Protein backbone atom coordinates (compact mmCIF):
# COMPACT_ATOMS: atom_id res chain seq x y z
CA UNK A 1 11.37 122.29 95.50
CA UNK A 2 14.12 121.70 92.97
CA UNK A 3 17.37 123.31 94.16
CA UNK A 4 17.84 126.48 92.10
CA UNK A 5 21.43 127.24 93.17
CA UNK A 6 23.69 125.65 90.53
CA UNK A 7 27.25 126.95 90.09
CA UNK A 8 30.74 125.88 89.07
CA UNK A 9 32.87 124.60 91.96
CA UNK A 10 36.50 125.51 91.26
CA UNK A 11 37.85 123.19 93.95
CA UNK A 12 36.24 120.04 92.54
CA UNK A 13 36.24 121.38 88.96
CA UNK A 14 32.62 120.31 88.54
CA UNK A 15 29.22 121.93 88.36
CA UNK A 16 27.57 121.88 91.76
CA UNK A 17 24.06 122.25 93.16
CA UNK A 18 23.65 123.66 96.66
CA UNK A 19 20.54 122.41 98.49
CA UNK A 20 18.72 124.32 101.22
CA UNK A 21 16.05 122.85 103.53
CA UNK A 22 13.07 121.57 101.55
CA UNK A 23 14.98 121.23 98.27
CA UNK A 24 16.11 118.30 96.14
CA UNK A 25 18.21 117.86 93.02
CA UNK A 26 18.65 114.99 90.55
CA UNK A 27 21.16 114.64 87.76
CA UNK A 28 22.57 112.27 85.16
CA UNK A 29 25.66 114.51 84.81
CA UNK A 30 28.97 114.25 86.63
CA UNK A 31 28.56 116.93 89.28
CA UNK A 32 28.61 117.49 93.05
CA UNK A 33 25.54 118.04 95.25
CA UNK A 34 26.17 120.02 98.43
CA UNK A 35 24.17 120.71 101.56
CA UNK A 36 24.67 121.71 105.19
CA UNK A 37 22.61 119.82 107.76
CA UNK A 38 21.71 120.40 111.36
CA UNK A 39 18.75 118.34 112.53
CA UNK A 40 17.59 117.87 108.93
CA UNK A 41 18.45 114.71 107.02
CA UNK A 42 19.63 114.20 103.47
CA UNK A 43 19.15 111.03 101.48
CA UNK A 44 21.68 110.63 98.67
CA UNK A 45 20.23 108.06 96.27
CA UNK A 46 21.69 106.76 93.01
CA UNK A 47 21.38 104.05 90.42
CA UNK A 48 24.62 102.21 91.08
CA UNK A 49 25.11 101.28 87.40
CA UNK A 50 24.14 104.43 85.50
CA UNK A 51 25.25 106.96 88.14
CA UNK A 52 21.95 108.83 87.87
CA UNK A 53 21.55 110.24 91.34
CA UNK A 54 20.17 112.91 93.56
CA UNK A 55 19.87 114.36 97.01
CA UNK A 56 17.10 115.79 99.16
CA UNK A 57 17.20 117.88 102.35
CA UNK A 58 14.22 117.48 104.65
CA UNK A 59 12.94 117.84 108.18
CA UNK A 60 9.80 116.39 109.65
CA UNK A 61 7.72 119.17 111.22
CA UNK A 62 8.02 119.20 115.01
CA UNK A 63 4.43 117.96 115.29
CA UNK A 64 4.20 114.58 117.00
CA UNK A 65 3.02 111.87 114.65
CA UNK A 66 -0.40 110.54 115.58
CA UNK A 67 0.08 106.81 116.24
CA UNK A 68 -3.40 106.02 114.88
CA UNK A 69 -2.96 107.97 111.65
CA UNK A 70 -0.07 106.82 109.44
CA UNK A 71 -0.75 109.74 107.09
CA UNK A 72 -0.20 112.47 109.67
CA UNK A 73 1.21 115.77 108.35
CA UNK A 74 4.76 114.93 109.47
CA UNK A 75 4.79 111.48 107.89
CA UNK A 76 3.23 112.86 104.71
CA UNK A 77 5.92 115.53 104.42
CA UNK A 78 8.80 113.12 104.98
CA UNK A 79 7.29 110.63 102.53
CA UNK A 80 6.80 113.42 99.97
CA UNK A 81 10.46 114.46 100.24
CA UNK A 82 11.63 110.90 99.69
CA UNK A 83 9.10 110.00 96.99
CA UNK A 84 9.72 113.08 94.88
CA UNK A 85 13.44 112.31 94.88
CA UNK A 86 12.89 108.66 93.89
CA UNK A 87 10.28 109.52 91.24
CA UNK A 88 12.57 112.18 89.76
CA UNK A 89 15.44 109.68 89.54
CA UNK A 90 13.24 107.12 87.79
CA UNK A 91 11.98 109.76 85.35
CA UNK A 92 15.63 110.49 84.44
CA UNK A 93 16.18 106.80 83.67
CA UNK A 94 17.35 105.30 86.97
CA UNK A 95 16.30 101.68 87.56
CA UNK A 96 14.42 101.28 90.82
CA UNK A 97 15.97 97.87 91.52
CA UNK A 98 19.48 99.37 91.26
CA UNK A 99 18.95 102.24 93.71
CA UNK A 100 21.23 102.57 96.73
CA UNK A 101 21.20 105.23 99.42
CA UNK A 102 23.53 107.08 101.76
CA UNK A 103 21.90 108.99 104.62
CA UNK A 104 23.32 111.85 106.68
CA UNK A 105 22.29 114.40 109.32
CA UNK A 106 19.86 114.30 112.20
CA UNK A 107 22.12 116.19 114.60
CA UNK A 108 20.61 117.69 117.73
CA UNK A 109 21.60 121.27 116.95
CA UNK A 110 18.38 123.28 117.35
CA UNK A 111 18.15 125.05 120.70
CA UNK A 112 15.11 123.95 122.68
CA UNK A 113 14.43 121.01 120.33
CA UNK A 114 16.31 118.30 122.25
CA UNK A 115 13.15 117.18 124.09
CA UNK A 116 11.39 116.72 120.73
CA UNK A 117 14.40 114.72 119.50
CA UNK A 118 13.83 116.06 116.00
CA UNK A 119 17.20 114.85 114.67
CA UNK A 120 16.61 111.28 115.84
CA UNK A 121 13.06 111.31 114.43
CA UNK A 122 14.33 112.55 111.05
CA UNK A 123 17.05 109.87 110.95
CA UNK A 124 14.65 107.09 112.02
CA UNK A 125 12.10 108.15 109.42
CA UNK A 126 14.63 108.13 106.56
CA UNK A 127 15.97 104.68 107.46
CA UNK A 128 12.48 103.20 107.97
CA UNK A 129 11.26 104.65 104.67
CA UNK A 130 14.22 103.28 102.71
CA UNK A 131 13.85 99.88 104.37
CA UNK A 132 10.14 99.78 103.51
CA UNK A 133 10.93 100.69 99.89
CA UNK A 134 13.71 98.06 99.76
CA UNK A 135 16.39 100.61 98.91
CA UNK A 136 19.68 99.44 100.42
CA UNK A 137 21.48 101.91 102.69
CA UNK A 138 25.20 101.52 101.96
CA UNK A 139 26.48 104.33 104.21
CA UNK A 140 25.21 106.59 106.98
CA UNK A 141 26.39 109.24 109.41
CA UNK A 142 23.48 110.17 111.65
CA UNK A 143 22.66 111.85 114.99
CA UNK A 144 25.43 113.43 117.16
CA UNK A 145 25.42 117.11 118.13
CA UNK A 146 27.29 118.61 115.18
CA UNK A 147 26.02 120.10 111.94
CA UNK A 148 27.48 118.47 108.81
CA UNK A 149 28.47 119.65 105.37
CA UNK A 150 27.85 116.92 102.79
CA UNK A 151 29.34 116.70 99.29
CA UNK A 152 27.75 113.97 97.16
CA UNK A 153 29.09 112.82 93.79
CA UNK A 154 26.26 110.74 92.27
CA UNK A 155 28.25 109.43 89.27
CA UNK A 156 30.76 107.64 91.52
CA UNK A 157 28.69 107.42 94.69
CA UNK A 158 31.46 109.12 96.66
CA UNK A 159 30.47 111.25 99.66
CA UNK A 160 32.56 113.66 101.71
CA UNK A 161 31.17 114.61 105.12
CA UNK A 162 32.65 117.34 107.28
CA UNK A 163 31.40 117.72 110.85
CA UNK A 164 31.23 121.43 111.63
CA UNK A 165 32.55 121.44 115.21
CA UNK A 166 33.38 125.14 115.45
CA UNK A 167 30.54 127.22 114.07
CA UNK A 168 30.60 130.81 115.23
CA UNK A 169 27.24 131.82 113.84
CA UNK A 170 23.73 130.49 114.12
CA UNK A 171 22.90 130.39 110.40
CA UNK A 172 22.15 126.64 110.31
CA UNK A 173 19.96 126.66 113.43
CA UNK A 174 18.16 129.81 112.23
CA UNK A 175 17.57 128.39 108.74
CA UNK A 176 16.23 125.11 110.14
CA UNK A 177 14.05 126.89 112.73
CA UNK A 178 12.46 129.01 109.98
CA UNK A 179 12.00 125.91 107.81
CA UNK A 180 10.42 123.99 110.71
CA UNK A 181 8.02 126.87 111.43
CA UNK A 182 7.06 127.03 107.74
CA UNK A 183 6.40 123.27 107.63
CA UNK A 184 4.27 123.38 110.75
CA UNK A 185 2.19 126.23 109.33
CA UNK A 186 1.68 124.76 105.85
CA UNK A 187 -0.57 121.89 104.92
CA UNK A 188 0.95 119.26 102.71
CA UNK A 189 -1.07 119.25 99.50
CA UNK A 190 -1.40 116.42 97.06
CA UNK A 191 -0.20 112.86 97.09
CA UNK A 192 2.82 111.37 95.40
CA UNK A 193 2.94 107.72 94.42
CA UNK A 194 6.06 105.75 93.58
CA UNK A 195 6.20 104.23 90.16
CA UNK A 196 8.70 101.98 88.49
């Protein structure tokens, strides 16, 4: 889902888009893309020459991937989140051969989810997907136990990451738990193919 929350950020003096779990945003404008991650992962991808870039925010459902079926629901969801971002960038004019990525998140912050290792699985999936698609990862901050707030500036490629060490509420864990439950309950419909 395209991130609907666009506003003016007085601190950075730029328009900003705030992404929640399951959302993505692409732009050719000079703006900042913002998200807060727990066990979810964000891929920040841009055309390094034009500055056309975007961000997604995704979590694989906590359903174990079937080793014999590479198109299991979890793999299909993760692939969909990555492919829709890449396809949207290309449709805005980004050149596939010039794409570079920065990947963040995958913290083990959901109570009761440490045995499922959801953060590690999300991080591994994002890196494996980008490697398979030959999109170079130029920066990463993955795993750990802390949520992160990520500010991405696609025009320049700059990223600011703040580890949220002292959170006094459970908003992130609650939001990701609800998102995970929704993903597990929904079937992924349709296929997306990369073009370019």
